Amino acid sequence: GQLDLVHVDLREGGAWRFAYGMKDG
């Protein structure tokens, strides 16, 4: 499977966020 969302703000203090889709509710 794969990440549905990958957000990378590659700087010190920058946010990152990875999301996986629905599985088992």
PDB file of all heavy atoms in Angstrom:
ATOM      1  N   GLY A   1       0.842  -1.183   0.000  1.00  0.00           N
ATOM      2  CA  GLY A   1       0.000   0.000   0.000  1.00  0.00           C
ATOM      3  C   GLY A   1       0.874   1.228   0.000  1.00  0.00           C
ATOM      4  O   GLY A   1       2.099   1.146   0.072  1.00  0.00           O
ATOM      5  N   GLN A   2       0.234   2.345  -0.080  1.00  0.00           N
ATOM      6  CA  GLN A   2       0.974   3.576  -0.286  1.00  0.00           C
ATOM      7  C   GLN A   2       0.375   4.693   0.551  1.00  0.00           C
ATOM      8  O   GLN A   2      -0.787   4.644   0.921  1.00  0.00           O
ATOM      9  CB  GLN A   2       0.875   3.936  -1.775  1.00  0.00           C
ATOM     10  CG  GLN A   2       1.987   4.786  -2.271  1.00  0.00           C
ATOM     11  CD  GLN A   2       1.914   4.918  -3.795  1.00  0.00           C
ATOM     12  OE1 GLN A   2       1.832   3.931  -4.501  1.00  0.00           O
ATOM     13  NE2 GLN A   2       1.945   6.139  -4.269  1.00  0.00           N
ATOM     14  N   LEU A   3       1.190   5.678   0.809  1.00  0.00           N
ATOM     15  CA  LEU A   3       0.683   6.871   1.475  1.00  0.00           C
ATOM     16  C   LEU A   3      -0.257   7.592   0.510  1.00  0.00           C
ATOM     17  O   LEU A   3       0.030   7.697  -0.673  1.00  0.00           O
ATOM     18  CB  LEU A   3       1.846   7.800   1.828  1.00  0.00           C
ATOM     19  CG  LEU A   3       2.835   7.275   2.863  1.00  0.00           C
ATOM     20  CD1 LEU A   3       4.072   8.170   2.909  1.00  0.00           C
ATOM     21  CD2 LEU A   3       2.178   7.223   4.220  1.00  0.00           C
ATOM     22  N   ASP A   4      -1.368   8.095   1.037  1.00  0.00           N
ATOM     23  CA  ASP A   4      -2.304   8.856   0.211  1.00  0.00           C
ATOM     24  C   ASP A   4      -1.884  10.312   0.131  1.00  0.00           C
ATOM     25  O   ASP A   4      -2.188  11.001  -0.835  1.00  0.00           O
ATOM     26  CB  ASP A   4      -3.710   8.772   0.795  1.00  0.00           C
ATOM     27  CG  ASP A   4      -4.250   7.359   0.745  1.00  0.00           C
ATOM     28  OD1 ASP A   4      -4.044   6.683  -0.282  1.00  0.00           O
ATOM     29  OD2 ASP A   4      -4.847   6.917   1.742  1.00  0.00           O
ATOM     30  N   LEU A   5      -1.221  10.781   1.157  1.00  0.00           N
ATOM     31  CA  LEU A   5      -0.803  12.176   1.196  1.00  0.00           C
ATOM     32  C   LEU A   5       0.591  12.263   1.788  1.00  0.00           C
ATOM     33  O   LEU A   5       0.873  11.606   2.791  1.00  0.00           O
ATOM     34  CB  LEU A   5      -1.781  12.977   2.068  1.00  0.00           C
ATOM     35  CG  LEU A   5      -1.449  14.454   2.275  1.00  0.00           C
ATOM     36  CD1 LEU A   5      -2.711  15.263   2.261  1.00  0.00           C
ATOM     37  CD2 LEU A   5      -0.703  14.665   3.580  1.00  0.00           C
ATOM     38  N   VAL A   6       1.461  13.022   1.157  1.00  0.00           N
ATOM     39  CA  VAL A   6       2.794  13.292   1.691  1.00  0.00           C
ATOM     40  C   VAL A   6       3.025  14.792   1.553  1.00  0.00           C
ATOM     41  O   VAL A   6       3.058  15.327   0.449  1.00  0.00           O
ATOM     42  CB  VAL A   6       3.904  12.533   0.919  1.00  0.00           C
ATOM     43  CG1 VAL A   6       5.273  12.921   1.453  1.00  0.00           C
ATOM     44  CG2 VAL A   6       3.705  11.033   1.021  1.00  0.00           C
ATOM     45  N   HIS A   7       3.156  15.456   2.695  1.00  0.00           N
ATOM     46  CA  HIS A   7       3.462  16.888   2.706  1.00  0.00           C
ATOM     47  C   HIS A   7       4.788  17.060   3.430  1.00  0.00           C
ATOM     48  O   HIS A   7       4.948  16.581   4.555  1.00  0.00           O
ATOM     49  CB  HIS A   7       2.368  17.680   3.429  1.00  0.00           C
ATOM     50  CG  HIS A   7       2.756  19.099   3.695  1.00  0.00           C
ATOM     51  ND1 HIS A   7       2.695  20.075   2.725  1.00  0.00           N
ATOM     52  CD2 HIS A   7       3.253  19.688   4.799  1.00  0.00           C
ATOM     53  CE1 HIS A   7       3.143  21.215   3.246  1.00  0.00           C
ATOM     54  NE2 HIS A   7       3.484  21.007   4.503  1.00  0.00           N
ATOM     55  N   VAL A   8       5.755  17.706   2.777  1.00  0.00           N
ATOM     56  CA  VAL A   8       7.073  17.933   3.358  1.00  0.00           C
ATOM     57  C   VAL A   8       7.436  19.404   3.180  1.00  0.00           C
ATOM     58  O   VAL A   8       7.566  19.886   2.058  1.00  0.00           O
ATOM     59  CB  VAL A   8       8.142  17.049   2.659  1.00  0.00           C
ATOM     60  CG1 VAL A   8       9.536  17.424   3.122  1.00  0.00           C
ATOM     61  CG2 VAL A   8       7.866  15.574   2.904  1.00  0.00           C
ATOM     62  N   ASP A   9       7.554  20.123   4.287  1.00  0.00           N
ATOM     63  CA  ASP A   9       8.057  21.507   4.269  1.00  0.00           C
ATOM     64  C   ASP A   9       9.459  21.433   4.863  1.00  0.00           C
ATOM     65  O   ASP A   9       9.649  21.586   6.069  1.00  0.00           O
ATOM     66  CB  ASP A   9       7.145  22.418   5.085  1.00  0.00           C
ATOM     67  CG  ASP A   9       7.610  23.870   5.083  1.00  0.00           C
ATOM     68  OD1 ASP A   9       8.606  24.193   4.391  1.00  0.00           O
ATOM     69  OD2 ASP A   9       6.977  24.687   5.781  1.00  0.00           O
ATOM     70  N   LEU A  10      10.441  21.143   3.996  1.00  0.00           N
ATOM     71  CA  LEU A  10      11.785  20.803   4.439  1.00  0.00           C
ATOM     72  C   LEU A  10      12.587  22.042   4.829  1.00  0.00           C
ATOM     73  O   LEU A  10      13.404  22.544   4.073  1.00  0.00           O
ATOM     74  CB  LEU A  10      12.516  20.007   3.347  1.00  0.00           C
ATOM     75  CG  LEU A  10      13.818  19.345   3.795  1.00  0.00           C
ATOM     76  CD1 LEU A  10      13.561  18.338   4.900  1.00  0.00           C
ATOM     77  CD2 LEU A  10      14.520  18.689   2.619  1.00  0.00           C
ATOM     78  N   ARG A  11      12.306  22.497   6.034  1.00  0.00           N
ATOM     79  CA  ARG A  11      13.074  23.585   6.660  1.00  0.00           C
ATOM     80  C   ARG A  11      12.896  23.415   8.155  1.00  0.00           C
ATOM     81  O   ARG A  11      11.919  22.813   8.603  1.00  0.00           O
ATOM     82  CB  ARG A  11      12.573  24.952   6.193  1.00  0.00           C
ATOM     83  CG  ARG A  11      11.139  25.212   6.521  1.00  0.00           C
ATOM     84  CD  ARG A  11      10.596  26.510   5.920  1.00  0.00           C
ATOM     85  NE  ARG A  11       9.167  26.581   6.195  1.00  0.00           N
ATOM     86  CZ  ARG A  11       8.633  27.053   7.312  1.00  0.00           C
ATOM     87  NH1 ARG A  11       9.392  27.530   8.285  1.00  0.00           N
ATOM     88  NH2 ARG A  11       7.327  27.061   7.485  1.00  0.00           N
ATOM     89  N   GLU A  12      13.873  23.895   8.916  1.00  0.00           N
ATOM     90  CA  GLU A  12      13.756  23.759  10.367  1.00  0.00           C
ATOM     91  C   GLU A  12      12.517  24.516  10.829  1.00  0.00           C
ATOM     92  O   GLU A  12      12.322  25.668  10.461  1.00  0.00           O
ATOM     93  CB  GLU A  12      15.044  24.224  11.036  1.00  0.00           C
ATOM     94  CG  GLU A  12      16.169  23.239  10.698  1.00  0.00           C
ATOM     95  CD  GLU A  12      17.503  23.532  11.366  1.00  0.00           C
ATOM     96  OE1 GLU A  12      17.597  24.469  12.175  1.00  0.00           O
ATOM     97  OE2 GLU A  12      18.463  22.787  11.070  1.00  0.00           O
ATOM     98  N   GLY A  13      11.657  23.833  11.563  1.00  0.00           N
ATOM     99  CA  GLY A  13      10.370  24.388  11.968  1.00  0.00           C
ATOM    100  C   GLY A  13       9.256  24.058  10.997  1.00  0.00           C
ATOM    101  O   GLY A  13       8.084  24.256  11.301  1.00  0.00           O
ATOM    102  N   GLY A  14       9.613  23.546   9.809  1.00  0.00           N
ATOM    103  CA  GLY A  14       8.611  23.191   8.794  1.00  0.00           C
ATOM    104  C   GLY A  14       7.873  21.923   9.180  1.00  0.00           C
ATOM    105  O   GLY A  14       8.422  21.028   9.817  1.00  0.00           O
ATOM    106  N   ALA A  15       6.621  21.857   8.783  1.00  0.00           N
ATOM    107  CA  ALA A  15       5.777  20.705   9.127  1.00  0.00           C
ATOM    108  C   ALA A  15       5.895  19.602   8.077  1.00  0.00           C
ATOM    109  O   ALA A  15       6.168  19.865   6.911  1.00  0.00           O
ATOM    110  CB  ALA A  15       4.325  21.152   9.235  1.00  0.00           C
ATOM    111  N   TRP A  16       5.677  18.373   8.528  1.00  0.00           N
ATOM    112  CA  TRP A  16       5.535  17.245   7.618  1.00  0.00           C
ATOM    113  C   TRP A  16       4.272  16.496   8.017  1.00  0.00           C
ATOM    114  O   TRP A  16       3.847  16.538   9.176  1.00  0.00           O
ATOM    115  CB  TRP A  16       6.777  16.325   7.640  1.00  0.00           C
ATOM    116  CG  TRP A  16       6.988  15.620   8.948  1.00  0.00           C
ATOM    117  CD1 TRP A  16       7.676  16.095  10.022  1.00  0.00           C
ATOM    118  CD2 TRP A  16       6.482  14.348   9.336  1.00  0.00           C
ATOM    119  NE1 TRP A  16       7.632  15.187  11.055  1.00  0.00           N
ATOM    120  CE2 TRP A  16       6.911  14.107  10.652  1.00  0.00           C
ATOM    121  CE3 TRP A  16       5.710  13.378   8.687  1.00  0.00           C
ATOM    122  CZ2 TRP A  16       6.594  12.935  11.340  1.00  0.00           C
ATOM    123  CZ3 TRP A  16       5.386  12.213   9.374  1.00  0.00           C
ATOM    124  CH2 TRP A  16       5.833  12.005  10.686  1.00  0.00           C
ATOM    125  N   ARG A  17       3.641  15.837   7.038  1.00  0.00           N
ATOM    126  CA  ARG A  17       2.406  15.102   7.312  1.00  0.00           C
ATOM    127  C   ARG A  17       2.243  13.994   6.278  1.00  0.00           C
ATOM    128  O   ARG A  17       2.357  14.256   5.081  1.00  0.00           O
ATOM    129  CB  ARG A  17       1.222  16.057   7.243  1.00  0.00           C
ATOM    130  CG  ARG A  17      -0.026  15.501   7.839  1.00  0.00           C
ATOM    131  CD  ARG A  17      -1.095  16.594   7.952  1.00  0.00           C
ATOM    132  NE  ARG A  17      -2.321  16.069   7.410  1.00  0.00           N
ATOM    133  CZ  ARG A  17      -2.998  16.590   6.411  1.00  0.00           C
ATOM    134  NH1 ARG A  17      -2.619  17.697   5.831  1.00  0.00           N
ATOM    135  NH2 ARG A  17      -4.092  16.008   5.975  1.00  0.00           N
ATOM    136  N   PHE A  18       2.011  12.779   6.753  1.00  0.00           N
ATOM    137  CA  PHE A  18       1.758  11.638   5.886  1.00  0.00           C
ATOM    138  C   PHE A  18       0.404  11.069   6.286  1.00  0.00           C
ATOM    139  O   PHE A  18       0.125  10.933   7.470  1.00  0.00           O
ATOM    140  CB  PHE A  18       2.796  10.522   6.072  1.00  0.00           C
ATOM    141  CG  PHE A  18       4.237  10.933   5.869  1.00  0.00           C
ATOM    142  CD1 PHE A  18       5.244  10.119   6.343  1.00  0.00           C
ATOM    143  CD2 PHE A  18       4.589  12.091   5.197  1.00  0.00           C
ATOM    144  CE1 PHE A  18       6.582  10.459   6.164  1.00  0.00           C
ATOM    145  CE2 PHE A  18       5.919  12.441   5.004  1.00  0.00           C
ATOM    146  CZ  PHE A  18       6.914  11.614   5.493  1.00  0.00           C
ATOM    147  N   ALA A  19      -0.425  10.683   5.316  1.00  0.00           N
ATOM    148  CA  ALA A  19      -1.732  10.103   5.631  1.00  0.00           C
ATOM    149  C   ALA A  19      -1.947   8.817   4.841  1.00  0.00           C
ATOM    150  O   ALA A  19      -1.566   8.722   3.673  1.00  0.00           O
ATOM    151  CB  ALA A  19      -2.843  11.098   5.327  1.00  0.00           C
ATOM    152  N   TYR A  20      -2.553   7.841   5.525  1.00  0.00           N
ATOM    153  CA  TYR A  20      -2.941   6.569   4.934  1.00  0.00           C
ATOM    154  C   TYR A  20      -4.453   6.544   4.857  1.00  0.00           C
ATOM    155  O   TYR A  20      -5.120   6.992   5.781  1.00  0.00           O
ATOM    156  CB  TYR A  20      -2.546   5.397   5.838  1.00  0.00           C
ATOM    157  CG  TYR A  20      -1.081   5.199   6.058  1.00  0.00           C
ATOM    158  CD1 TYR A  20      -0.412   5.889   7.068  1.00  0.00           C
ATOM    159  CD2 TYR A  20      -0.372   4.304   5.286  1.00  0.00           C
ATOM    160  CE1 TYR A  20       0.940   5.684   7.292  1.00  0.00           C
ATOM    161  CE2 TYR A  20       0.978   4.095   5.501  1.00  0.00           C
ATOM    162  CZ  TYR A  20       1.630   4.783   6.505  1.00  0.00           C
ATOM    163  OH  TYR A  20       2.955   4.578   6.723  1.00  0.00           O
ATOM    164  N   GLY A  21      -4.992   5.965   3.800  1.00  0.00           N
ATOM    165  CA  GLY A  21      -6.438   5.926   3.615  1.00  0.00           C
ATOM    166  C   GLY A  21      -7.167   5.036   4.592  1.00  0.00           C
ATOM    167  O   GLY A  21      -6.572   4.340   5.410  1.00  0.00           O
ATOM    168  N   MET A  22      -8.459   5.065   4.467  1.00  0.00           N
ATOM    169  CA  MET A  22      -9.332   4.281   5.334  1.00  0.00           C
ATOM    170  C   MET A  22      -9.077   2.797   5.195  1.00  0.00           C
ATOM    171  O   MET A  22      -8.953   2.274   4.105  1.00  0.00           O
ATOM    172  CB  MET A  22     -10.795   4.547   4.989  1.00  0.00           C
ATOM    173  CG  MET A  22     -11.374   5.762   5.646  1.00  0.00           C
ATOM    174  SD  MET A  22     -11.454   5.553   7.436  1.00  0.00           S
ATOM    175  CE  MET A  22     -12.569   6.857   7.855  1.00  0.00           C
ATOM    176  N   LYS A  23      -9.009   2.131   6.335  1.00  0.00           N
ATOM    177  CA  LYS A  23      -8.901   0.682   6.380  1.00  0.00           C
ATOM    178  C   LYS A  23      -9.548   0.277   7.691  1.00  0.00           C
ATOM    179  O   LYS A  23      -9.274   0.863   8.728  1.00  0.00           O
ATOM    180  CB  LYS A  23      -7.425   0.275   6.345  1.00  0.00           C
ATOM    181  CG  LYS A  23      -7.217  -1.219   6.251  1.00  0.00           C
ATOM    182  CD  LYS A  23      -5.728  -1.538   6.148  1.00  0.00           C
ATOM    183  CE  LYS A  23      -5.504  -2.886   6.798  1.00  0.00           C
ATOM    184  NZ  LYS A  23      -4.194  -3.037   7.362  1.00  0.00           N
ATOM    185  N   ASP A  24     -10.415  -0.681   7.648  1.00  0.00           N
ATOM    186  CA  ASP A  24     -11.116  -1.132   8.851  1.00  0.00           C
ATOM    187  C   ASP A  24     -11.790   0.044   9.575  1.00  0.00           C
ATOM    188  O   ASP A  24     -11.781   0.115  10.805  1.00  0.00           O
ATOM    189  CB  ASP A  24     -10.158  -1.852   9.814  1.00  0.00           C
ATOM    190  CG  ASP A  24      -9.456  -3.033   9.162  1.00  0.00           C
ATOM    191  OD1 ASP A  24     -10.097  -3.690   8.317  1.00  0.00           O
ATOM    192  OD2 ASP A  24      -8.287  -3.283   9.485  1.00  0.00           O
ATOM    193  N   GLY A  25     -12.337   0.980   8.804  1.00  0.00           N
ATOM    194  CA  GLY A  25     -13.063   2.090   9.408  1.00  0.00           C
ATOM    195  C   GLY A  25     -12.202   3.157  10.053  1.00  0.00           C
ATOM    196  O   GLY A  25     -12.686   3.978  10.812  1.00  0.00           O
TER     197      GLY A  25
END
